């Protein structure tokens, strides 16, 4: 890490992004005291760790990578054992949590009979046992099919809204982060690139992408490449993706018409994927 400074406020769903090797899992492990930083310090729930010791972790739930359970025991028994490690949890709370994650009907089934998605939800369940104020999830949708991803996404949103929890979510699925998170940070090689509100960051005009459908996309591509006000342009499956500011969008349409192109559509878009790739492209050239 290189002077990494993250700020997560109460009630946020905070997306933590970066390419492989950026330092996301390392940061999460340091936050959870699984590894020690060489220098620097951090606060959890407004408490400096060195003064709060292990007490602070009773207010935090976490799922780091793939959850692991006793496969020959039921979900109910697994949660009972895990709860006993930190003072015990009554059956009422266990069933409450299983209902929250949608496993109440399979509470007494052995975990070996669970699908991958069910095990992921059980992993989130164990993180919720002691009513944490902060939940840290490292790649919670890893390996899931689209239906499983959708279920986990809805669960995360409901935890923030209905259970009044703050969520830190590390993921490679940019579309999921865009749909779920209120705020985010992007890091690369241990350095913070940007952080802030997802909505505000995605509406920065320099990261708008305008999708264009014209009759001769290759010729249009070559024409637009020569214009200084076009920051970047690519073509995918005959569709042009042009990076221009909002103010230049009328000029884009005028340019195409003036150069005798038939314009079928001009659609302004901005997405986390476009934003993310633009930042990395700028950083790495």
C-alpha atoms as a PDB file:
ATOM      1  CA  UNK A   1       0.000   0.000   0.000  1.00  0.00           C
ATOM      2  CA  UNK A   2       1.204   3.530  -0.786  1.00  0.00           C
ATOM      3  CA  UNK A   3      -0.459   6.166   1.415  1.00  0.00           C
ATOM      4  CA  UNK A   4      -3.847   4.543   0.825  1.00  0.00           C
ATOM      5  CA  UNK A   5      -6.524   6.669   2.467  1.00  0.00           C
ATOM      6  CA  UNK A   6     -10.121   5.396   2.351  1.00  0.00           C
ATOM      7  CA  UNK A   7     -13.135   6.986   3.988  1.00  0.00           C
ATOM      8  CA  UNK A   8     -16.350   4.987   4.463  1.00  0.00           C
ATOM      9  CA  UNK A   9     -19.326   6.697   6.094  1.00  0.00           C
ATOM     10  CA  UNK A  10     -22.126   5.093   8.075  1.00  0.00           C
ATOM     11  CA  UNK A  11     -24.944   3.674   5.934  1.00  0.00           C
ATOM     12  CA  UNK A  12     -22.956   3.483   2.702  1.00  0.00           C
ATOM     13  CA  UNK A  13     -22.614   0.486   0.424  1.00  0.00           C
ATOM     14  CA  UNK A  14     -18.988   1.059  -0.472  1.00  0.00           C
ATOM     15  CA  UNK A  15     -17.548  -0.632  -3.560  1.00  0.00           C
ATOM     16  CA  UNK A  16     -13.840  -1.437  -3.464  1.00  0.00           C
ATOM     17  CA  UNK A  17     -12.441  -1.877  -6.987  1.00  0.00           C
ATOM     18  CA  UNK A  18      -9.151  -2.505  -8.715  1.00  0.00           C
ATOM     19  CA  UNK A  19      -7.435  -4.907 -11.123  1.00  0.00           C
ATOM     20  CA  UNK A  20      -5.902  -8.182  -9.962  1.00  0.00           C
ATOM     21  CA  UNK A  21      -2.958  -7.447  -7.700  1.00  0.00           C
ATOM     22  CA  UNK A  22      -4.161  -3.929  -6.881  1.00  0.00           C
ATOM     23  CA  UNK A  23      -4.184  -4.649  -3.143  1.00  0.00           C
ATOM     24  CA  UNK A  24      -7.907  -5.059  -2.398  1.00  0.00           C
ATOM     25  CA  UNK A  25      -7.675  -8.347  -0.496  1.00  0.00           C
ATOM     26  CA  UNK A  26      -4.509  -7.199   1.272  1.00  0.00           C
ATOM     27  CA  UNK A  27      -6.305  -4.059   2.465  1.00  0.00           C
ATOM     28  CA  UNK A  28      -9.280  -6.077   3.702  1.00  0.00           C
ATOM     29  CA  UNK A  29      -7.003  -8.506   5.553  1.00  0.00           C
ATOM     30  CA  UNK A  30      -5.285  -5.596   7.275  1.00  0.00           C
ATOM     31  CA  UNK A  31      -8.640  -4.114   8.284  1.00  0.00           C
ATOM     32  CA  UNK A  32      -9.618  -7.454   9.815  1.00  0.00           C
ATOM     33  CA  UNK A  33      -6.258  -7.793  11.584  1.00  0.00           C
ATOM     34  CA  UNK A  34      -5.406 -10.965   9.650  1.00  0.00           C
ATOM     35  CA  UNK A  35      -2.134  -9.374   8.577  1.00  0.00           C
ATOM     36  CA  UNK A  36      -0.272  -6.365   9.998  1.00  0.00           C
ATOM     37  CA  UNK A  37       0.616  -3.230   8.020  1.00  0.00           C
ATOM     38  CA  UNK A  38       4.289  -2.276   7.924  1.00  0.00           C
ATOM     39  CA  UNK A  39       3.370   1.322   8.708  1.00  0.00           C
ATOM     40  CA  UNK A  40       0.404   3.631   9.074  1.00  0.00           C
ATOM     41  CA  UNK A  41      -2.825   3.208  11.012  1.00  0.00           C
ATOM     42  CA  UNK A  42      -6.567   2.999  10.461  1.00  0.00           C
ATOM     43  CA  UNK A  43      -9.837   3.457  12.274  1.00  0.00           C
ATOM     44  CA  UNK A  44     -12.817   1.125  12.379  1.00  0.00           C
ATOM     45  CA  UNK A  45     -16.165   2.481  13.577  1.00  0.00           C
ATOM     46  CA  UNK A  46     -14.410   5.717  14.620  1.00  0.00           C
ATOM     47  CA  UNK A  47     -11.998   3.830  16.890  1.00  0.00           C
ATOM     48  CA  UNK A  48      -8.277   3.511  16.380  1.00  0.00           C
ATOM     49  CA  UNK A  49      -7.499  -0.177  16.369  1.00  0.00           C
ATOM     50  CA  UNK A  50      -4.487   0.010  18.643  1.00  0.00           C
ATOM     51  CA  UNK A  51      -6.623   1.521  21.407  1.00  0.00           C
ATOM     52  CA  UNK A  52      -9.703  -0.650  20.879  1.00  0.00           C
ATOM     53  CA  UNK A  53      -7.949  -4.003  20.538  1.00  0.00           C
ATOM     54  CA  UNK A  54     -10.091  -6.990  19.662  1.00  0.00           C
ATOM     55  CA  UNK A  55     -13.286  -5.492  21.127  1.00  0.00           C
ATOM     56  CA  UNK A  56     -13.971  -3.593  17.925  1.00  0.00           C
ATOM     57  CA  UNK A  57     -14.302  -6.818  15.928  1.00  0.00           C
ATOM     58  CA  UNK A  58     -17.431  -7.847  17.842  1.00  0.00           C
ATOM     59  CA  UNK A  59     -19.136  -5.026  15.901  1.00  0.00           C
ATOM     60  CA  UNK A  60     -17.870  -6.197  12.497  1.00  0.00           C
ATOM     61  CA  UNK A  61     -18.915  -9.095  10.271  1.00  0.00           C
ATOM     62  CA  UNK A  62     -16.851 -10.363   7.362  1.00  0.00           C
ATOM     63  CA  UNK A  63     -16.773 -12.832   4.509  1.00  0.00           C
ATOM     64  CA  UNK A  64     -13.287 -13.204   3.037  1.00  0.00           C
ATOM     65  CA  UNK A  65     -13.040 -15.258  -0.138  1.00  0.00           C
ATOM     66  CA  UNK A  66     -14.796 -18.657  -0.174  1.00  0.00           C
ATOM     67  CA  UNK A  67     -16.703 -19.583   3.011  1.00  0.00           C
ATOM     68  CA  UNK A  68     -15.905 -22.938   4.584  1.00  0.00           C
ATOM     69  CA  UNK A  69     -18.182 -25.047   6.787  1.00  0.00           C
ATOM     70  CA  UNK A  70     -18.575 -28.480   8.325  1.00  0.00           C
ATOM     71  CA  UNK A  71     -20.221 -30.140   5.325  1.00  0.00           C
ATOM     72  CA  UNK A  72     -21.685 -33.043   7.331  1.00  0.00           C
ATOM     73  CA  UNK A  73     -23.540 -30.664   9.658  1.00  0.00           C
ATOM     74  CA  UNK A  74     -26.635 -28.577   9.031  1.00  0.00           C
ATOM     75  CA  UNK A  75     -26.628 -24.825   8.434  1.00  0.00           C
ATOM     76  CA  UNK A  76     -28.235 -24.377  11.842  1.00  0.00           C
ATOM     77  CA  UNK A  77     -25.505 -26.393  13.582  1.00  0.00           C
ATOM     78  CA  UNK A  78     -22.718 -24.642  11.684  1.00  0.00           C
ATOM     79  CA  UNK A  79     -23.998 -21.227  12.746  1.00  0.00           C
ATOM     80  CA  UNK A  80     -24.414 -22.442  16.320  1.00  0.00           C
ATOM     81  CA  UNK A  81     -20.756 -23.566  16.415  1.00  0.00           C
ATOM     82  CA  UNK A  82     -19.512 -20.350  14.796  1.00  0.00           C
ATOM     83  CA  UNK A  83     -21.603 -18.272  17.196  1.00  0.00           C
ATOM     84  CA  UNK A  84     -20.170 -20.107  20.198  1.00  0.00           C
ATOM     85  CA  UNK A  85     -16.676 -18.924  19.256  1.00  0.00           C
ATOM     86  CA  UNK A  86     -17.635 -15.410  20.298  1.00  0.00           C
ATOM     87  CA  UNK A  87     -20.001 -15.874  23.205  1.00  0.00           C
ATOM     88  CA  UNK A  88     -22.884 -17.860  21.756  1.00  0.00           C
ATOM     89  CA  UNK A  89     -26.019 -17.093  19.739  1.00  0.00           C
ATOM     90  CA  UNK A  90     -29.533 -18.284  20.558  1.00  0.00           C
ATOM     91  CA  UNK A  91     -31.647 -20.311  18.135  1.00  0.00           C
ATOM     92  CA  UNK A  92     -34.031 -17.441  17.549  1.00  0.00           C
ATOM     93  CA  UNK A  93     -31.212 -15.293  16.169  1.00  0.00           C
ATOM     94  CA  UNK A  94     -29.926 -18.165  14.002  1.00  0.00           C
ATOM     95  CA  UNK A  95     -33.331 -18.644  12.385  1.00  0.00           C
ATOM     96  CA  UNK A  96     -33.735 -14.902  11.991  1.00  0.00           C
ATOM     97  CA  UNK A  97     -30.460 -14.755  10.073  1.00  0.00           C
ATOM     98  CA  UNK A  98     -31.295 -17.806   7.959  1.00  0.00           C
ATOM     99  CA  UNK A  99     -34.556 -16.114   7.007  1.00  0.00           C
ATOM    100  CA  UNK A 100     -32.729 -12.912   6.041  1.00  0.00           C
ATOM    101  CA  UNK A 101     -30.447 -14.836   3.653  1.00  0.00           C
ATOM    102  CA  UNK A 102     -33.289 -17.021   2.355  1.00  0.00           C
ATOM    103  CA  UNK A 103     -32.181 -20.355   3.839  1.00  0.00           C
ATOM    104  CA  UNK A 104     -34.855 -20.849   6.498  1.00  0.00           C
ATOM    105  CA  UNK A 105     -36.397 -23.802   4.636  1.00  0.00           C
ATOM    106  CA  UNK A 106     -33.023 -25.569   4.422  1.00  0.00           C
ATOM    107  CA  UNK A 107     -31.841 -24.808   7.954  1.00  0.00           C
ATOM    108  CA  UNK A 108     -31.570 -28.486   8.964  1.00  0.00           C
ATOM    109  CA  UNK A 109     -30.115 -29.785   5.703  1.00  0.00           C
ATOM    110  CA  UNK A 110     -26.460 -30.796   5.692  1.00  0.00           C
ATOM    111  CA  UNK A 111     -24.313 -28.155   4.033  1.00  0.00           C
ATOM    112  CA  UNK A 112     -22.800 -30.765   1.699  1.00  0.00           C
ATOM    113  CA  UNK A 113     -26.157 -30.724  -0.111  1.00  0.00           C
ATOM    114  CA  UNK A 114     -26.039 -26.951  -0.633  1.00  0.00           C
ATOM    115  CA  UNK A 115     -25.355 -25.332  -3.991  1.00  0.00           C
ATOM    116  CA  UNK A 116     -22.466 -22.889  -4.335  1.00  0.00           C
ATOM    117  CA  UNK A 117     -24.869 -19.965  -4.126  1.00  0.00           C
ATOM    118  CA  UNK A 118     -26.450 -21.323  -0.940  1.00  0.00           C
ATOM    119  CA  UNK A 119     -23.002 -21.679   0.646  1.00  0.00           C
ATOM    120  CA  UNK A 120     -22.249 -18.072  -0.259  1.00  0.00           C
ATOM    121  CA  UNK A 121     -25.473 -16.957   1.422  1.00  0.00           C
ATOM    122  CA  UNK A 122     -24.616 -19.069   4.464  1.00  0.00           C
ATOM    123  CA  UNK A 123     -21.232 -17.335   4.496  1.00  0.00           C
ATOM    124  CA  UNK A 124     -22.979 -13.988   4.666  1.00  0.00           C
ATOM    125  CA  UNK A 125     -25.257 -15.399   7.390  1.00  0.00           C
ATOM    126  CA  UNK A 126     -22.287 -16.180   9.645  1.00  0.00           C
ATOM    127  CA  UNK A 127     -21.056 -12.615   9.157  1.00  0.00           C
ATOM    128  CA  UNK A 128     -24.411 -11.310  10.448  1.00  0.00           C
ATOM    129  CA  UNK A 129     -24.763 -13.452  13.579  1.00  0.00           C
ATOM    130  CA  UNK A 130     -23.845 -10.761  16.110  1.00  0.00           C
ATOM    131  CA  UNK A 131     -25.727  -7.866  14.497  1.00  0.00           C
ATOM    132  CA  UNK A 132     -22.621  -6.099  13.151  1.00  0.00           C
ATOM    133  CA  UNK A 133     -22.628  -2.421  12.333  1.00  0.00           C
ATOM    134  CA  UNK A 134     -20.083  -2.931   9.540  1.00  0.00           C
ATOM    135  CA  UNK A 135     -20.007  -5.877   7.116  1.00  0.00           C
ATOM    136  CA  UNK A 136     -16.976  -6.478   4.882  1.00  0.00           C
ATOM    137  CA  UNK A 137     -17.540  -8.773   1.897  1.00  0.00           C
ATOM    138  CA  UNK A 138     -14.641  -9.872  -0.301  1.00  0.00           C
ATOM    139  CA  UNK A 139     -15.898 -11.161  -3.678  1.00  0.00           C
ATOM    140  CA  UNK A 140     -19.236 -12.481  -2.329  1.00  0.00           C
ATOM    141  CA  UNK A 141     -20.543 -13.378  -5.807  1.00  0.00           C
ATOM    142  CA  UNK A 142     -17.432 -15.282  -6.907  1.00  0.00           C
ATOM    143  CA  UNK A 143     -18.347 -18.281  -9.039  1.00  0.00           C
ATOM    144  CA  UNK A 144     -22.095 -17.662  -8.964  1.00  0.00           C
ATOM    145  CA  UNK A 145     -24.468 -17.915 -11.919  1.00  0.00           C
ATOM    146  CA  UNK A 146     -26.566 -14.858 -12.924  1.00  0.00           C
ATOM    147  CA  UNK A 147     -29.454 -15.913 -10.689  1.00  0.00           C
ATOM    148  CA  UNK A 148     -27.127 -16.332  -7.702  1.00  0.00           C
ATOM    149  CA  UNK A 149     -25.509 -12.957  -8.365  1.00  0.00           C
ATOM    150  CA  UNK A 150     -28.934 -11.323  -8.464  1.00  0.00           C
ATOM    151  CA  UNK A 151     -29.892 -12.934  -5.125  1.00  0.00           C
ATOM    152  CA  UNK A 152     -26.697 -11.755  -3.407  1.00  0.00           C
ATOM    153  CA  UNK A 153     -27.151  -8.264  -4.876  1.00  0.00           C
ATOM    154  CA  UNK A 154     -30.671  -7.977  -3.471  1.00  0.00           C
ATOM    155  CA  UNK A 155     -29.482  -9.320  -0.126  1.00  0.00           C
ATOM    156  CA  UNK A 156     -26.713  -6.708   0.147  1.00  0.00           C
ATOM    157  CA  UNK A 157     -29.123  -3.854  -0.635  1.00  0.00           C
ATOM    158  CA  UNK A 158     -31.644  -5.127   1.929  1.00  0.00           C
ATOM    159  CA  UNK A 159     -28.945  -5.397   4.621  1.00  0.00           C
ATOM    160  CA  UNK A 160     -28.049  -1.741   4.165  1.00  0.00           C
ATOM    161  CA  UNK A 161     -31.640  -0.494   4.019  1.00  0.00           C
ATOM    162  CA  UNK A 162     -33.529  -2.805   6.391  1.00  0.00           C
ATOM    163  CA  UNK A 163     -30.784  -3.846   8.816  1.00  0.00           C
ATOM    164  CA  UNK A 164     -29.066  -0.417   8.937  1.00  0.00           C
ATOM    165  CA  UNK A 165     -25.637  -1.847   8.168  1.00  0.00           C
ATOM    166  CA  UNK A 166     -22.648  -0.297   6.462  1.00  0.00           C
ATOM    167  CA  UNK A 167     -21.299  -2.569   3.720  1.00  0.00           C
ATOM    168  CA  UNK A 168     -17.816  -2.658   2.200  1.00  0.00           C
ATOM    169  CA  UNK A 169     -17.928  -4.750  -0.967  1.00  0.00           C
ATOM    170  CA  UNK A 170     -14.896  -5.849  -2.953  1.00  0.00           C
ATOM    171  CA  UNK A 171     -15.745  -7.214  -6.401  1.00  0.00           C
ATOM    172  CA  UNK A 172     -14.524  -7.610  -9.983  1.00  0.00           C
ATOM    173  CA  UNK A 173     -18.090  -7.390 -11.330  1.00  0.00           C
ATOM    174  CA  UNK A 174     -18.316  -3.744 -12.313  1.00  0.00           C
ATOM    175  CA  UNK A 175     -21.962  -3.939 -13.363  1.00  0.00           C
ATOM    176  CA  UNK A 176     -22.915  -5.302  -9.954  1.00  0.00           C
ATOM    177  CA  UNK A 177     -21.006  -2.556  -8.142  1.00  0.00           C
ATOM    178  CA  UNK A 178     -22.727   0.044 -10.289  1.00  0.00           C
ATOM    179  CA  UNK A 179     -26.170  -1.311  -9.415  1.00  0.00           C
ATOM    180  CA  UNK A 180     -25.549  -1.926  -5.706  1.00  0.00           C
ATOM    181  CA  UNK A 181     -23.081   0.618  -4.328  1.00  0.00           C
ATOM    182  CA  UNK A 182     -23.686   4.182  -3.231  1.00  0.00           C
ATOM    183  CA  UNK A 183     -19.975   5.040  -3.034  1.00  0.00           C
ATOM    184  CA  UNK A 184     -16.758   3.507  -4.300  1.00  0.00           C
ATOM    185  CA  UNK A 185     -12.991   3.637  -4.430  1.00  0.00           C
ATOM    186  CA  UNK A 186     -10.687   2.410  -7.175  1.00  0.00           C
ATOM    187  CA  UNK A 187      -7.118   1.443  -6.330  1.00  0.00           C
ATOM    188  CA  UNK A 188      -4.220   0.317  -8.504  1.00  0.00           C
ATOM    189  CA  UNK A 189      -0.898  -1.083  -7.300  1.00  0.00           C
ATOM    190  CA  UNK A 190      -1.779  -0.129  -3.728  1.00  0.00           C
ATOM    191  CA  UNK A 191      -2.518   3.498  -4.596  1.00  0.00           C
ATOM    192  CA  UNK A 192      -5.886   5.206  -4.463  1.00  0.00           C
ATOM    193  CA  UNK A 193      -6.960   6.491  -7.885  1.00  0.00           C
ATOM    194  CA  UNK A 194     -10.354   7.935  -6.999  1.00  0.00           C
ATOM    195  CA  UNK A 195     -13.153   7.669  -4.458  1.00  0.00           C
ATOM    196  CA  UNK A 196     -16.552   9.256  -4.002  1.00  0.00           C
ATOM    197  CA  UNK A 197     -20.237   8.905  -4.766  1.00  0.00           C
ATOM    198  CA  UNK A 198     -20.924   6.467  -7.620  1.00  0.00           C
ATOM    199  CA  UNK A 199     -23.529   8.795  -9.109  1.00  0.00           C
ATOM    200  CA  UNK A 200     -21.274  11.853  -8.992  1.00  0.00           C
ATOM    201  CA  UNK A 201     -18.236  10.052 -10.375  1.00  0.00           C
ATOM    202  CA  UNK A 202     -20.151   8.499 -13.254  1.00  0.00           C
ATOM    203  CA  UNK A 203     -21.650  11.836 -14.246  1.00  0.00           C
ATOM    204  CA  UNK A 204     -18.308  13.545 -14.748  1.00  0.00           C
ATOM    205  CA  UNK A 205     -18.649  14.717 -18.348  1.00  0.00           C
ATOM    206  CA  UNK A 206     -15.185  13.603 -19.457  1.00  0.00           C
ATOM    207  CA  UNK A 207     -16.180   9.997 -18.865  1.00  0.00           C
ATOM    208  CA  UNK A 208     -19.344  10.005 -20.934  1.00  0.00           C
ATOM    209  CA  UNK A 209     -19.267   7.579 -23.843  1.00  0.00           C
ATOM    210  CA  UNK A 210     -21.408   8.348 -26.858  1.00  0.00           C
ATOM    211  CA  UNK A 211     -22.417   5.295 -28.898  1.00  0.00           C
ATOM    212  CA  UNK A 212     -22.912   5.985 -32.615  1.00  0.00           C
ATOM    213  CA  UNK A 213     -24.443   3.863 -35.345  1.00  0.00           C
ATOM    214  CA  UNK A 214     -23.666   5.074 -38.875  1.00  0.00           C
ATOM    215  CA  UNK A 215     -23.704   3.600 -42.376  1.00  0.00           C
ATOM    216  CA  UNK A 216     -19.900   3.413 -42.724  1.00  0.00           C
ATOM    217  CA  UNK A 217     -18.397   3.038 -39.225  1.00  0.00           C
ATOM    218  CA  UNK A 218     -14.805   2.394 -40.360  1.00  0.00           C
ATOM    219  CA  UNK A 219     -14.697   5.579 -42.434  1.00  0.00           C
ATOM    220  CA  UNK A 220     -16.350   7.516 -39.585  1.00  0.00           C
ATOM    221  CA  UNK A 221     -13.752   6.123 -37.175  1.00  0.00           C
ATOM    222  CA  UNK A 222     -10.901   7.379 -39.350  1.00  0.00           C
ATOM    223  CA  UNK A 223     -12.521  10.813 -39.734  1.00  0.00           C
ATOM    224  CA  UNK A 224     -13.198  11.279 -36.020  1.00  0.00           C
ATOM    225  CA  UNK A 225      -9.683  10.183 -35.009  1.00  0.00           C
ATOM    226  CA  UNK A 226      -8.312  13.360 -36.558  1.00  0.00           C
ATOM    227  CA  UNK A 227     -10.481  15.683 -34.449  1.00  0.00           C
ATOM    228  CA  UNK A 228      -8.792  17.147 -31.363  1.00  0.00           C
ATOM    229  CA  UNK A 229     -12.054  17.414 -29.407  1.00  0.00           C
ATOM    230  CA  UNK A 230     -12.499  13.629 -29.636  1.00  0.00           C
ATOM    231  CA  UNK A 231     -10.642  12.294 -26.606  1.00  0.00           C
ATOM    232  CA  UNK A 232     -10.852   8.626 -27.594  1.00  0.00           C
ATOM    233  CA  UNK A 233     -12.748   6.439 -30.037  1.00  0.00           C
ATOM    234  CA  UNK A 234     -13.141   2.681 -30.470  1.00  0.00           C
ATOM    235  CA  UNK A 235     -15.348   0.405 -32.544  1.00  0.00           C
ATOM    236  CA  UNK A 236     -17.099  -2.766 -31.357  1.00  0.00           C
ATOM    237  CA  UNK A 237     -19.287  -4.824 -33.686  1.00  0.00           C
ATOM    238  CA  UNK A 238     -19.771  -1.867 -35.997  1.00  0.00           C
ATOM    239  CA  UNK A 239     -20.767   0.483 -33.166  1.00  0.00           C
ATOM    240  CA  UNK A 240     -18.564   3.510 -32.495  1.00  0.00           C
ATOM    241  CA  UNK A 241     -17.847   4.492 -28.895  1.00  0.00           C
ATOM    242  CA  UNK A 242     -16.686   8.088 -28.735  1.00  0.00           C
ATOM    243  CA  UNK A 243     -15.369   9.899 -25.665  1.00  0.00           C
ATOM    244  CA  UNK A 244     -16.479  13.520 -25.919  1.00  0.00           C
ATOM    245  CA  UNK A 245     -17.779  15.998 -23.387  1.00  0.00           C
ATOM    246  CA  UNK A 246     -21.490  16.736 -23.179  1.00  0.00           C
ATOM    247  CA  UNK A 247     -20.905  20.163 -24.708  1.00  0.00           C
ATOM    248  CA  UNK A 248     -19.330  18.611 -27.813  1.00  0.00           C
ATOM    249  CA  UNK A 249     -22.124  16.101 -28.500  1.00  0.00           C
ATOM    250  CA  UNK A 250     -24.031  18.482 -30.866  1.00  0.00           C
ATOM    251  CA  UNK A 251     -20.758  19.082 -32.730  1.00  0.00           C
ATOM    252  CA  UNK A 252     -20.362  15.331 -33.078  1.00  0.00           C
ATOM    253  CA  UNK A 253     -23.741  15.004 -34.803  1.00  0.00           C
ATOM    254  CA  UNK A 254     -23.029  18.037 -37.008  1.00  0.00           C
ATOM    255  CA  UNK A 255     -19.618  16.641 -37.988  1.00  0.00           C
ATOM    256  CA  UNK A 256     -21.075  13.305 -39.093  1.00  0.00           C
ATOM    257  CA  UNK A 257     -23.845  14.875 -41.128  1.00  0.00           C
ATOM    258  CA  UNK A 258     -21.457  17.406 -42.708  1.00  0.00           C
ATOM    259  CA  UNK A 259     -19.242  14.513 -43.827  1.00  0.00           C
ATOM    260  CA  UNK A 260     -22.219  12.767 -45.461  1.00  0.00           C
ATOM    261  CA  UNK A 261     -22.705   9.899 -43.028  1.00  0.00           C
ATOM    262  CA  UNK A 262     -26.137   8.413 -42.479  1.00  0.00           C
ATOM    263  CA  UNK A 263     -26.613   8.590 -38.713  1.00  0.00           C
ATOM    264  CA  UNK A 264     -28.921   5.894 -37.355  1.00  0.00           C
ATOM    265  CA  UNK A 265     -28.468   6.660 -33.663  1.00  0.00           C
ATOM    266  CA  UNK A 266     -26.435   8.710 -31.191  1.00  0.00           C
ATOM    267  CA  UNK A 267     -26.828   7.383 -27.660  1.00  0.00           C
ATOM    268  CA  UNK A 268     -25.018   8.952 -24.672  1.00  0.00           C
ATOM    269  CA  UNK A 269     -23.986   6.424 -22.056  1.00  0.00           C
ATOM    270  CA  UNK A 270     -21.875   6.361 -18.964  1.00  0.00           C
ATOM    271  CA  UNK A 271     -21.106   3.240 -16.990  1.00  0.00           C
ATOM    272  CA  UNK A 272     -18.751   2.125 -14.283  1.00  0.00           C
ATOM    273  CA  UNK A 273     -16.967  -0.089 -16.785  1.00  0.00           C
ATOM    274  CA  UNK A 274     -16.287   2.862 -19.097  1.00  0.00           C
ATOM    275  CA  UNK A 275     -15.205   5.004 -16.162  1.00  0.00           C
ATOM    276  CA  UNK A 276     -12.983   2.271 -14.706  1.00  0.00           C
ATOM    277  CA  UNK A 277     -11.278   1.462 -18.006  1.00  0.00           C
ATOM    278  CA  UNK A 278     -10.767   5.150 -18.807  1.00  0.00           C
ATOM    279  CA  UNK A 279      -8.990   5.689 -15.498  1.00  0.00           C
ATOM    280  CA  UNK A 280      -6.734   2.672 -15.955  1.00  0.00           C
ATOM    281  CA  UNK A 281      -6.002   3.591 -19.563  1.00  0.00           C
ATOM    282  CA  UNK A 282      -4.994   7.109 -18.497  1.00  0.00           C
ATOM    283  CA  UNK A 283      -2.850   5.716 -15.687  1.00  0.00           C
ATOM    284  CA  UNK A 284      -1.078   3.052 -17.750  1.00  0.00           C
ATOM    285  CA  UNK A 285      -1.072   4.864 -21.082  1.00  0.00           C
END
